[in-house]
Amino acid sequence: DNLWLFFSGHGILGRDNHDYLIPRDGYSRDLEGTAISIDFVIRCLIDCQAKNVVLALDMCREIEDGSKGMGDLGTDTVKLAKQRGIITIFSCDKGEISYEIPELGQGAFTYALLEGLTNHKTPRSLEQYLQQRVPQLNRDHGKPDQFPQISVNSTNLSDSPLLLELGQQTSLRDTRNLGEKIFIPPASREN
């Protein structure tokens, strides 16, 4: 089985030096109450027992002023994911911003990721593609460069398929209505 978790939003390095994802109703000053720890996300991904697990994060990796000098956003994620055999795809490198491109209707990374998955089947091939395509898209739309990174737990996984049996997958192109297909628990829905 394939299990991909794609998150597009804000990430933050907590005072505890752990990574957190900030949902749309999250608040950086109340991480325990409103954010989702990467540790929790990875435990959930492992609990589903899929053979091929990929965590794709379209988020900035710059450190907010309040946490400078504490560490690098993403280091905790890479460590935990590697320990559990999860491939992690970041939209940008440490200290970089992940840019949205209004003309594309999404971020440069998301656009290039969906585009790249049609022809690049391994982490190594996809990373090479993304590191060329995303900066090109950003430059074409007047944004600074960003360089996506892919982390795997062994050299062997760098050449393993990202998507098992890709030919049987549905189209990866259309993300406009993706929000309607994602389950949102009743407590999180807006009234």
N, C-alpha and C. Protein backbone atom coordinates (compact mmCIF):
# COMPACT_ATOMS: atom_id res chain seq x y z
N ASP A 1 0.83 -1.19 0.00
CA ASP A 1 0.00 0.00 0.00
C ASP A 1 0.87 1.25 0.00
N ASN A 2 0.37 2.30 -0.63
CA ASN A 2 0.97 3.63 -0.58
C ASN A 2 0.20 4.47 0.41
N LEU A 3 0.91 5.23 1.21
CA LEU A 3 0.27 6.22 2.06
C LEU A 3 1.08 7.50 1.96
N TRP A 4 0.45 8.51 1.41
CA TRP A 4 1.08 9.83 1.33
C TRP A 4 0.29 10.77 2.23
N LEU A 5 1.01 11.54 3.03
CA LEU A 5 0.39 12.63 3.77
C LEU A 5 0.99 13.91 3.22
N PHE A 6 0.13 14.75 2.68
CA PHE A 6 0.57 16.03 2.13
C PHE A 6 0.03 17.13 3.03
N PHE A 7 0.93 18.01 3.48
CA PHE A 7 0.54 19.13 4.31
C PHE A 7 1.03 20.40 3.64
N SER A 8 0.13 21.35 3.48
CA SER A 8 0.49 22.66 2.96
C SER A 8 0.03 23.68 3.99
N GLY A 9 0.98 24.38 4.55
CA GLY A 9 0.65 25.35 5.59
C GLY A 9 1.90 25.83 6.28
N HIS A 10 1.77 26.08 7.57
CA HIS A 10 2.90 26.60 8.34
C HIS A 10 3.46 25.53 9.25
N GLY A 11 4.78 25.54 9.37
CA GLY A 11 5.47 24.70 10.33
C GLY A 11 6.19 25.60 11.31
N ILE A 12 6.46 25.08 12.49
CA ILE A 12 7.16 25.89 13.49
C ILE A 12 8.01 24.98 14.36
N LEU A 13 9.14 25.51 14.77
CA LEU A 13 10.00 24.81 15.71
C LEU A 13 9.59 25.27 17.11
N GLY A 14 9.15 24.33 17.93
CA GLY A 14 8.72 24.68 19.28
C GLY A 14 9.88 24.95 20.21
N ARG A 15 9.57 25.52 21.36
CA ARG A 15 10.60 25.78 22.38
C ARG A 15 11.24 24.49 22.86
N ASP A 16 10.53 23.37 22.67
CA ASP A 16 11.06 22.06 23.06
C ASP A 16 11.96 21.46 21.97
N ASN A 17 12.24 22.26 20.92
CA ASN A 17 13.09 21.87 19.79
C ASN A 17 12.46 20.76 18.94
N HIS A 18 11.14 20.62 19.00
CA HIS A 18 10.41 19.66 18.17
C HIS A 18 9.62 20.43 17.12
N ASP A 19 9.38 19.76 16.00
CA ASP A 19 8.65 20.37 14.89
C ASP A 19 7.14 20.21 15.09
N TYR A 20 6.41 21.24 14.66
CA TYR A 20 4.95 21.23 14.74
C TYR A 20 4.38 21.73 13.43
N LEU A 21 3.21 21.21 13.06
CA LEU A 21 2.45 21.71 11.93
C LEU A 21 1.33 22.57 12.48
N ILE A 22 1.12 23.72 11.87
CA ILE A 22 0.09 24.66 12.33
C ILE A 22 -1.10 24.56 11.38
N PRO A 23 -2.22 23.99 11.85
CA PRO A 23 -3.41 23.94 10.99
C PRO A 23 -4.00 25.34 10.83
N ARG A 24 -5.00 25.45 9.99
CA ARG A 24 -5.53 26.79 9.69
C ARG A 24 -6.10 27.49 10.92
N ASP A 25 -6.55 26.72 11.93
CA ASP A 25 -7.04 27.36 13.15
C ASP A 25 -6.00 27.30 14.28
N GLY A 26 -4.76 27.00 13.92
CA GLY A 26 -3.70 26.90 14.91
C GLY A 26 -3.13 28.26 15.27
N TYR A 27 -2.41 28.27 16.39
CA TYR A 27 -1.84 29.50 16.90
C TYR A 27 -0.45 29.20 17.43
N SER A 28 0.56 29.88 16.89
CA SER A 28 1.95 29.57 17.23
C SER A 28 2.28 29.80 18.70
N ARG A 29 1.52 30.63 19.39
CA ARG A 29 1.80 30.87 20.81
C ARG A 29 1.14 29.82 21.72
N ASP A 30 0.35 28.92 21.13
CA ASP A 30 -0.28 27.83 21.90
C ASP A 30 -0.10 26.51 21.14
N LEU A 31 1.16 26.08 21.02
CA LEU A 31 1.45 24.88 20.25
C LEU A 31 0.76 23.65 20.81
N GLU A 32 0.83 23.46 22.14
CA GLU A 32 0.22 22.26 22.73
C GLU A 32 -1.28 22.20 22.50
N GLY A 33 -1.93 23.35 22.48
CA GLY A 33 -3.38 23.38 22.33
C GLY A 33 -3.89 23.42 20.91
N THR A 34 -3.07 23.92 19.97
CA THR A 34 -3.60 24.13 18.63
C THR A 34 -2.76 23.54 17.50
N ALA A 35 -1.53 23.15 17.76
CA ALA A 35 -0.66 22.62 16.69
C ALA A 35 -0.63 21.10 16.73
N ILE A 36 -0.06 20.52 15.69
CA ILE A 36 0.05 19.06 15.58
C ILE A 36 1.54 18.73 15.58
N SER A 37 1.98 17.95 16.55
CA SER A 37 3.40 17.61 16.62
C SER A 37 3.75 16.61 15.52
N ILE A 38 4.93 16.77 14.97
CA ILE A 38 5.41 15.83 13.96
C ILE A 38 5.50 14.43 14.55
N ASP A 39 5.86 14.32 15.80
CA ASP A 39 5.92 13.01 16.46
C ASP A 39 4.56 12.31 16.36
N PHE A 40 3.48 13.04 16.63
CA PHE A 40 2.13 12.48 16.54
C PHE A 40 1.80 12.07 15.10
N VAL A 41 2.14 12.92 14.14
CA VAL A 41 1.86 12.63 12.73
C VAL A 41 2.58 11.35 12.31
N ILE A 42 3.84 11.23 12.67
CA ILE A 42 4.62 10.06 12.26
C ILE A 42 4.11 8.80 12.95
N ARG A 43 3.72 8.88 14.22
CA ARG A 43 3.13 7.70 14.88
C ARG A 43 1.86 7.26 14.17
N CYS A 44 1.03 8.20 13.75
CA CYS A 44 -0.20 7.86 13.02
C CYS A 44 0.12 7.21 11.68
N LEU A 45 1.12 7.73 10.98
CA LEU A 45 1.51 7.16 9.69
C LEU A 45 2.00 5.72 9.86
N ILE A 46 2.76 5.47 10.91
CA ILE A 46 3.28 4.12 11.16
C ILE A 46 2.15 3.18 11.57
N ASP A 47 1.20 3.66 12.37
CA ASP A 47 0.09 2.82 12.84
C ASP A 47 -0.76 2.26 11.71
N CYS A 48 -0.81 2.92 10.58
CA CYS A 48 -1.63 2.43 9.47
C CYS A 48 -0.97 1.26 8.74
N GLN A 49 0.29 1.01 8.99
CA GLN A 49 1.04 -0.15 8.49
C GLN A 49 1.13 -0.23 6.97
N ALA A 50 1.15 0.89 6.30
CA ALA A 50 1.37 0.90 4.85
C ALA A 50 2.82 0.55 4.55
N LYS A 51 3.04 -0.05 3.43
CA LYS A 51 4.40 -0.47 3.04
C LYS A 51 5.24 0.71 2.59
N ASN A 52 4.62 1.65 1.91
CA ASN A 52 5.33 2.78 1.31
C ASN A 52 4.72 4.07 1.85
N VAL A 53 5.43 4.74 2.77
CA VAL A 53 4.90 5.94 3.42
C VAL A 53 5.75 7.15 3.03
N VAL A 54 5.06 8.21 2.57
CA VAL A 54 5.73 9.44 2.16
C VAL A 54 5.03 10.61 2.86
N LEU A 55 5.83 11.48 3.44
CA LEU A 55 5.34 12.69 4.10
C LEU A 55 5.83 13.87 3.28
N ALA A 56 4.91 14.60 2.64
CA ALA A 56 5.26 15.76 1.81
C ALA A 56 4.80 17.02 2.53
N LEU A 57 5.74 17.94 2.75
CA LEU A 57 5.46 19.15 3.53
C LEU A 57 5.75 20.39 2.70
N ASP A 58 4.69 21.10 2.32
CA ASP A 58 4.82 22.36 1.60
C ASP A 58 4.69 23.47 2.63
N MET A 59 5.83 23.80 3.24
CA MET A 59 5.83 24.81 4.30
C MET A 59 7.18 25.51 4.35
N CYS A 60 7.19 26.72 4.86
CA CYS A 60 8.43 27.45 5.05
C CYS A 60 9.26 26.76 6.13
N ARG A 61 10.58 26.88 6.00
CA ARG A 61 11.47 26.29 7.00
C ARG A 61 12.36 27.35 7.64
N GLU A 62 11.93 28.61 7.56
CA GLU A 62 12.69 29.64 8.25
C GLU A 62 12.28 29.60 9.72
N ILE A 63 13.16 30.04 10.58
CA ILE A 63 12.89 30.05 12.01
C ILE A 63 12.30 31.40 12.37
N GLU A 64 11.19 31.37 13.10
CA GLU A 64 10.58 32.62 13.54
C GLU A 64 11.49 33.29 14.57
N ASP A 65 11.38 34.62 14.71
CA ASP A 65 12.26 35.39 15.59
C ASP A 65 12.37 34.82 16.99
N GLY A 66 11.27 34.35 17.56
CA GLY A 66 11.28 33.86 18.93
C GLY A 66 12.05 32.59 19.15
N SER A 67 12.40 31.86 18.10
CA SER A 67 13.08 30.59 18.29
C SER A 67 14.45 30.54 17.63
N LYS A 68 15.01 31.70 17.23
CA LYS A 68 16.33 31.71 16.59
C LYS A 68 17.36 31.11 17.53
N GLY A 69 18.27 30.34 16.95
CA GLY A 69 19.34 29.75 17.73
C GLY A 69 18.96 28.45 18.41
N MET A 70 17.71 28.05 18.32
CA MET A 70 17.29 26.82 19.00
C MET A 70 17.53 25.58 18.15
N GLY A 71 17.54 25.70 16.86
CA GLY A 71 17.67 24.53 15.99
C GLY A 71 17.13 24.85 14.62
N ASP A 72 17.00 23.82 13.80
CA ASP A 72 16.51 24.00 12.44
C ASP A 72 15.16 23.32 12.29
N LEU A 73 14.19 24.05 11.76
CA LEU A 73 12.88 23.48 11.47
C LEU A 73 13.05 22.39 10.42
N GLY A 74 12.61 21.19 10.74
CA GLY A 74 12.73 20.05 9.83
C GLY A 74 13.71 19.00 10.33
N THR A 75 14.65 19.38 11.19
CA THR A 75 15.63 18.41 11.70
C THR A 75 14.93 17.32 12.50
N ASP A 76 14.00 17.69 13.35
CA ASP A 76 13.24 16.72 14.15
C ASP A 76 12.43 15.80 13.23
N THR A 77 11.83 16.37 12.21
CA THR A 77 11.03 15.59 11.26
C THR A 77 11.89 14.56 10.55
N VAL A 78 13.05 14.98 10.05
CA VAL A 78 13.95 14.07 9.34
C VAL A 78 14.39 12.93 10.27
N LYS A 79 14.77 13.27 11.48
CA LYS A 79 15.24 12.25 12.43
C LYS A 79 14.16 11.21 12.70
N LEU A 80 12.96 11.65 13.04
CA LEU A 80 11.87 10.73 13.35
C LEU A 80 11.45 9.91 12.13
N ALA A 81 11.38 10.55 10.98
CA ALA A 81 10.95 9.85 9.76
C ALA A 81 11.98 8.81 9.34
N LYS A 82 13.25 9.16 9.40
CA LYS A 82 14.29 8.19 9.02
C LYS A 82 14.26 6.97 9.94
N GLN A 83 14.05 7.19 11.23
CA GLN A 83 14.00 6.08 12.18
C GLN A 83 12.90 5.09 11.83
N ARG A 84 11.84 5.59 11.20
CA ARG A 84 10.68 4.75 10.92
C ARG A 84 10.51 4.41 9.43
N GLY A 85 11.52 4.75 8.63
CA GLY A 85 11.49 4.39 7.21
C GLY A 85 10.53 5.20 6.36
N ILE A 86 10.23 6.42 6.79
CA ILE A 86 9.32 7.30 6.05
C ILE A 86 10.13 8.24 5.17
N ILE A 87 9.76 8.33 3.90
CA ILE A 87 10.39 9.28 2.99
C ILE A 87 9.74 10.64 3.24
N THR A 88 10.59 11.67 3.40
CA THR A 88 10.08 13.02 3.67
C THR A 88 10.49 13.95 2.53
N ILE A 89 9.51 14.67 2.01
CA ILE A 89 9.75 15.63 0.93
C ILE A 89 9.42 17.02 1.47
N PHE A 90 10.43 17.88 1.51
CA PHE A 90 10.25 19.26 1.95
C PHE A 90 10.19 20.18 0.74
N SER A 91 9.35 21.20 0.81
CA SER A 91 9.21 22.15 -0.29
C SER A 91 10.40 23.07 -0.43
N CYS A 92 11.23 23.17 0.61
CA CYS A 92 12.38 24.06 0.56
C CYS A 92 13.44 23.56 1.55
N ASP A 93 14.61 24.15 1.45
CA ASP A 93 15.73 23.78 2.32
C ASP A 93 15.63 24.56 3.64
N LYS A 94 16.48 24.18 4.59
CA LYS A 94 16.53 24.86 5.90
C LYS A 94 16.72 26.36 5.70
N GLY A 95 15.94 27.14 6.45
CA GLY A 95 16.06 28.59 6.40
C GLY A 95 15.36 29.26 5.24
N GLU A 96 14.74 28.49 4.35
CA GLU A 96 14.09 29.07 3.17
C GLU A 96 12.58 29.22 3.36
N ILE A 97 12.01 30.04 2.49
CA ILE A 97 10.57 30.26 2.44
C ILE A 97 10.00 29.48 1.27
N SER A 98 8.82 28.92 1.45
CA SER A 98 8.10 28.20 0.40
C SER A 98 7.04 29.15 -0.16
N TYR A 99 7.15 29.46 -1.44
CA TYR A 99 6.32 30.51 -2.04
C TYR A 99 5.07 29.98 -2.74
N GLU A 100 3.99 30.72 -2.53
CA GLU A 100 2.74 30.52 -3.28
C GLU A 100 2.83 31.34 -4.56
N ILE A 101 2.29 30.79 -5.64
CA ILE A 101 2.28 31.50 -6.92
C ILE A 101 0.82 31.66 -7.33
N PRO A 102 0.24 32.86 -7.13
CA PRO A 102 -1.18 33.06 -7.44
C PRO A 102 -1.57 32.64 -8.85
N GLU A 103 -0.69 32.87 -9.82
CA GLU A 103 -0.99 32.52 -11.20
C GLU A 103 -1.12 31.00 -11.40
N LEU A 104 -0.47 30.23 -10.54
CA LEU A 104 -0.55 28.77 -10.62
C LEU A 104 -1.68 28.21 -9.76
N GLY A 105 -2.21 29.04 -8.88
CA GLY A 105 -3.28 28.59 -7.99
C GLY A 105 -2.80 27.72 -6.84
N GLN A 106 -1.48 27.69 -6.62
CA GLN A 106 -0.89 26.89 -5.54
C GLN A 106 0.58 27.27 -5.42
N GLY A 107 1.28 26.62 -4.52
CA GLY A 107 2.70 26.88 -4.36
C GLY A 107 3.50 26.31 -5.52
N ALA A 108 4.68 26.90 -5.72
CA ALA A 108 5.57 26.40 -6.78
C ALA A 108 5.94 24.94 -6.52
N PHE A 109 6.17 24.59 -5.26
CA PHE A 109 6.52 23.21 -4.93
C PHE A 109 5.39 22.24 -5.27
N THR A 110 4.18 22.56 -4.83
CA THR A 110 3.04 21.67 -5.08
C THR A 110 2.84 21.49 -6.57
N TYR A 111 2.92 22.57 -7.31
CA TYR A 111 2.76 22.50 -8.76
C TYR A 111 3.82 21.58 -9.38
N ALA A 112 5.07 21.80 -9.00
CA ALA A 112 6.17 21.00 -9.55
C ALA A 112 6.12 19.56 -9.07
N LEU A 113 5.70 19.32 -7.84
CA LEU A 113 5.59 17.95 -7.32
C LEU A 113 4.57 17.15 -8.13
N LEU A 114 3.41 17.72 -8.36
CA LEU A 114 2.38 17.02 -9.12
C LEU A 114 2.83 16.80 -10.56
N GLU A 115 3.48 17.78 -11.10
CA GLU A 115 4.02 17.68 -12.45
C GLU A 115 5.11 16.60 -12.50
N GLY A 116 6.01 16.61 -11.53
CA GLY A 116 7.14 15.69 -11.52
C GLY A 116 6.79 14.24 -11.26
N LEU A 117 5.73 13.99 -10.52
CA LEU A 117 5.36 12.60 -10.22
C LEU A 117 4.91 11.82 -11.44
N THR A 118 4.58 12.52 -12.52
CA THR A 118 4.17 11.80 -13.73
C THR A 118 5.36 11.14 -14.43
N ASN A 119 6.58 11.66 -14.24
CA ASN A 119 7.75 11.12 -14.94
C ASN A 119 8.90 10.70 -14.04
N HIS A 120 8.87 11.07 -12.79
CA HIS A 120 9.99 10.80 -11.89
C HIS A 120 9.51 9.88 -10.77
N LYS A 121 9.94 8.64 -10.84
CA LYS A 121 9.38 7.60 -9.98
C LYS A 121 10.16 7.34 -8.70
N THR A 122 11.42 7.81 -8.60
CA THR A 122 12.24 7.54 -7.42
C THR A 122 12.54 8.84 -6.67
N PRO A 123 12.85 8.76 -5.38
CA PRO A 123 13.20 9.98 -4.64
C PRO A 123 14.37 10.74 -5.28
N ARG A 124 15.39 10.01 -5.71
CA ARG A 124 16.57 10.67 -6.30
C ARG A 124 16.18 11.44 -7.56
N SER A 125 15.44 10.81 -8.45
CA SER A 125 15.03 11.44 -9.70
C SER A 125 14.09 12.62 -9.44
N LEU A 126 13.14 12.43 -8.55
CA LEU A 126 12.19 13.50 -8.24
C LEU A 126 12.89 14.69 -7.60
N GLU A 127 13.82 14.44 -6.68
CA GLU A 127 14.53 15.54 -6.03
C GLU A 127 15.33 16.35 -7.04
N GLN A 128 16.01 15.67 -7.96
CA GLN A 128 16.77 16.39 -9.00
C GLN A 128 15.84 17.26 -9.84
N TYR A 129 14.67 16.71 -10.19
CA TYR A 129 13.70 17.47 -10.97
C TYR A 129 13.20 18.69 -10.18
N LEU A 130 12.80 18.47 -8.93
CA LEU A 130 12.26 19.55 -8.12
C LEU A 130 13.28 20.65 -7.88
N GLN A 131 14.54 20.27 -7.68
CA GLN A 131 15.57 21.28 -7.41
C GLN A 131 15.87 22.15 -8.63
N GLN A 132 15.48 21.71 -9.81
CA GLN A 132 15.60 22.55 -11.00
C GLN A 132 14.29 23.28 -11.30
N ARG A 133 13.18 22.57 -11.19
CA ARG A 133 11.89 23.11 -11.62
C ARG A 133 11.34 24.18 -10.67
N VAL A 134 11.43 23.96 -9.36
CA VAL A 134 10.85 24.91 -8.42
C VAL A 134 11.55 26.27 -8.49
N PRO A 135 12.89 26.34 -8.48
CA PRO A 135 13.52 27.66 -8.64
C PRO A 135 13.16 28.33 -9.97
N GLN A 136 13.03 27.52 -11.02
CA GLN A 136 12.64 28.07 -12.33
C GLN A 136 11.24 28.69 -12.25
N LEU A 137 10.29 27.97 -11.65
CA LEU A 137 8.94 28.51 -11.49
C LEU A 137 8.96 29.80 -10.67
N ASN A 138 9.73 29.79 -9.57
CA ASN A 138 9.80 30.99 -8.73
C ASN A 138 10.37 32.17 -9.50
N ARG A 139 11.45 31.96 -10.23
CA ARG A 139 12.06 33.05 -11.02
C ARG A 139 11.07 33.56 -12.08
N ASP A 140 10.37 32.63 -12.75
CA ASP A 140 9.40 33.02 -13.78
C ASP A 140 8.27 33.89 -13.21
N HIS A 141 8.03 33.77 -11.90
CA HIS A 141 6.94 34.52 -11.27
C HIS A 141 7.45 35.55 -10.26
N GLY A 142 8.71 35.93 -10.37
CA GLY A 142 9.26 37.01 -9.56
C GLY A 142 9.46 36.68 -8.09
N LYS A 143 9.67 35.43 -7.77
CA LYS A 143 9.89 35.00 -6.38
C LYS A 143 11.34 34.54 -6.21
N PRO A 144 11.88 34.64 -4.99
CA PRO A 144 13.23 34.12 -4.74
C PRO A 144 13.26 32.59 -4.87
N ASP A 145 14.46 32.07 -5.06
CA ASP A 145 14.63 30.62 -5.19
C ASP A 145 14.26 29.89 -3.90
N GLN A 146 13.83 28.67 -4.08
CA GLN A 146 13.67 27.71 -2.98
C GLN A 146 14.07 26.36 -3.54
N PHE A 147 14.69 25.54 -2.71
CA PHE A 147 15.23 24.28 -3.18
C PHE A 147 14.67 23.11 -2.37
N PRO A 148 13.70 22.38 -2.93
CA PRO A 148 13.11 21.23 -2.25
C PRO A 148 14.16 20.19 -1.87
N GLN A 149 13.89 19.47 -0.79
CA GLN A 149 14.79 18.44 -0.27
C GLN A 149 13.99 17.17 -0.03
N ILE A 150 14.59 16.02 -0.31
CA ILE A 150 13.97 14.74 -0.02
C ILE A 150 14.90 13.98 0.91
N SER A 151 14.34 13.44 1.98
CA SER A 151 15.10 12.69 2.97
C SER A 151 14.62 11.24 2.98
N VAL A 152 15.56 10.31 2.88
CA VAL A 152 15.26 8.88 2.95
C VAL A 152 16.18 8.26 4.00
N ASN A 153 15.81 7.08 4.52
CA ASN A 153 16.62 6.49 5.59
C ASN A 153 17.76 5.62 5.10
N SER A 154 17.87 5.40 3.80
CA SER A 154 19.01 4.64 3.28
C SER A 154 19.22 4.96 1.81
N THR A 155 20.41 4.70 1.34
CA THR A 155 20.71 4.94 -0.07
C THR A 155 19.84 4.07 -0.96
N ASN A 156 19.51 2.86 -0.50
CA ASN A 156 18.67 1.96 -1.28
C ASN A 156 17.31 2.56 -1.60
N LEU A 157 16.73 3.28 -0.63
CA LEU A 157 15.41 3.87 -0.85
C LEU A 157 15.44 5.01 -1.87
N SER A 158 16.61 5.62 -2.09
CA SER A 158 16.71 6.72 -3.04
C SER A 158 16.33 6.28 -4.45
N ASP A 159 16.49 4.99 -4.72
CA ASP A 159 16.17 4.48 -6.05
C ASP A 159 14.96 3.55 -6.05
N SER A 160 14.22 3.51 -4.96
CA SER A 160 12.99 2.72 -4.86
C SER A 160 11.82 3.55 -5.36
N PRO A 161 10.76 2.91 -5.86
CA PRO A 161 9.61 3.68 -6.35
C PRO A 161 8.92 4.47 -5.24
N LEU A 162 8.57 5.71 -5.54
CA LEU A 162 7.81 6.53 -4.60
C LEU A 162 6.36 6.08 -4.53
N LEU A 163 5.83 5.70 -5.66
CA LEU A 163 4.45 5.23 -5.74
C LEU A 163 4.45 3.81 -6.29
N LEU A 164 4.00 2.89 -5.49
CA LEU A 164 3.90 1.51 -5.96
C LEU A 164 2.76 1.41 -6.96
N GLU A 165 2.97 0.74 -8.06
CA GLU A 165 1.96 0.54 -9.09
C GLU A 165 1.32 1.85 -9.53
N LEU A 166 2.15 2.79 -9.92
CA LEU A 166 1.69 4.13 -10.32
C LEU A 166 0.65 4.10 -11.42
N GLY A 167 0.73 3.12 -12.33
CA GLY A 167 -0.20 3.04 -13.45
C GLY A 167 -1.65 2.89 -13.01
N GLN A 168 -1.88 2.38 -11.80
CA GLN A 168 -3.24 2.19 -11.32
C GLN A 168 -3.74 3.37 -10.49
N GLN A 169 -2.91 4.38 -10.31
CA GLN A 169 -3.29 5.54 -9.51
C GLN A 169 -4.21 6.46 -10.32
N THR A 170 -5.00 7.23 -9.62
CA THR A 170 -5.81 8.24 -10.29
C THR A 170 -4.94 9.43 -10.63
N SER A 171 -5.46 10.34 -11.40
CA SER A 171 -4.69 11.49 -11.84
C SER A 171 -4.20 12.32 -10.66
N LEU A 172 -2.97 12.77 -10.75
CA LEU A 172 -2.38 13.61 -9.71
C LEU A 172 -2.44 15.09 -10.08
N ARG A 173 -2.99 15.41 -11.22
CA ARG A 173 -2.94 16.76 -11.75
C ARG A 173 -3.89 17.75 -11.07
N ASP A 174 -5.13 17.39 -10.87
CA ASP A 174 -6.14 18.35 -10.45
C ASP A 174 -6.23 18.42 -8.94
N THR A 175 -5.76 19.51 -8.36
CA THR A 175 -5.81 19.69 -6.91
C THR A 175 -6.83 20.74 -6.49
N ARG A 176 -7.54 21.32 -7.43
CA ARG A 176 -8.47 22.40 -7.08
C ARG A 176 -9.56 21.97 -6.12
N ASN A 177 -10.07 20.76 -6.26
CA ASN A 177 -11.16 20.30 -5.39
C ASN A 177 -10.67 19.30 -4.34
N LEU A 178 -9.37 19.28 -4.10
CA LEU A 178 -8.80 18.32 -3.17
C LEU A 178 -9.38 18.50 -1.76
N GLY A 179 -9.62 19.73 -1.35
CA GLY A 179 -10.16 19.99 -0.02
C GLY A 179 -11.48 19.30 0.22
N GLU A 180 -12.29 19.12 -0.82
CA GLU A 180 -13.58 18.44 -0.68
C GLU A 180 -13.41 16.94 -0.47
N LYS A 181 -12.27 16.40 -0.87
CA LYS A 181 -12.03 14.97 -0.76
C LYS A 181 -11.36 14.60 0.56
N ILE A 182 -10.90 15.59 1.30
CA ILE A 182 -10.19 15.34 2.55
C ILE A 182 -11.20 15.29 3.69
N PHE A 183 -11.07 14.28 4.54
CA PHE A 183 -11.96 14.15 5.69
C PHE A 183 -11.58 15.18 6.74
N ILE A 184 -12.54 15.95 7.18
CA ILE A 184 -12.33 16.92 8.26
C ILE A 184 -13.25 16.51 9.40
N PRO A 185 -12.69 16.17 10.58
CA PRO A 185 -13.53 15.74 11.69
C PRO A 185 -14.56 16.81 12.04
N PRO A 186 -15.75 16.40 12.52
CA PRO A 186 -16.83 17.36 12.82
C PRO A 186 -16.40 18.49 13.76
N ALA A 187 -15.55 18.22 14.73
CA ALA A 187 -15.15 19.25 15.68
C ALA A 187 -14.34 20.36 15.00
N SER A 188 -13.71 20.06 13.86
CA SER A 188 -12.88 21.04 13.16
C SER A 188 -13.63 21.83 12.11
N ARG A 189 -14.81 21.40 11.76
CA ARG A 189 -15.56 22.08 10.69
C ARG A 189 -16.10 23.41 11.18
N GLU A 190 -16.09 24.36 10.26
CA GLU A 190 -16.66 25.66 10.57
C GLU A 190 -18.18 25.58 10.39
N ASN A 191 -18.91 26.22 11.26
CA ASN A 191 -20.37 26.20 11.19
C ASN A 191 -20.90 27.28 10.29
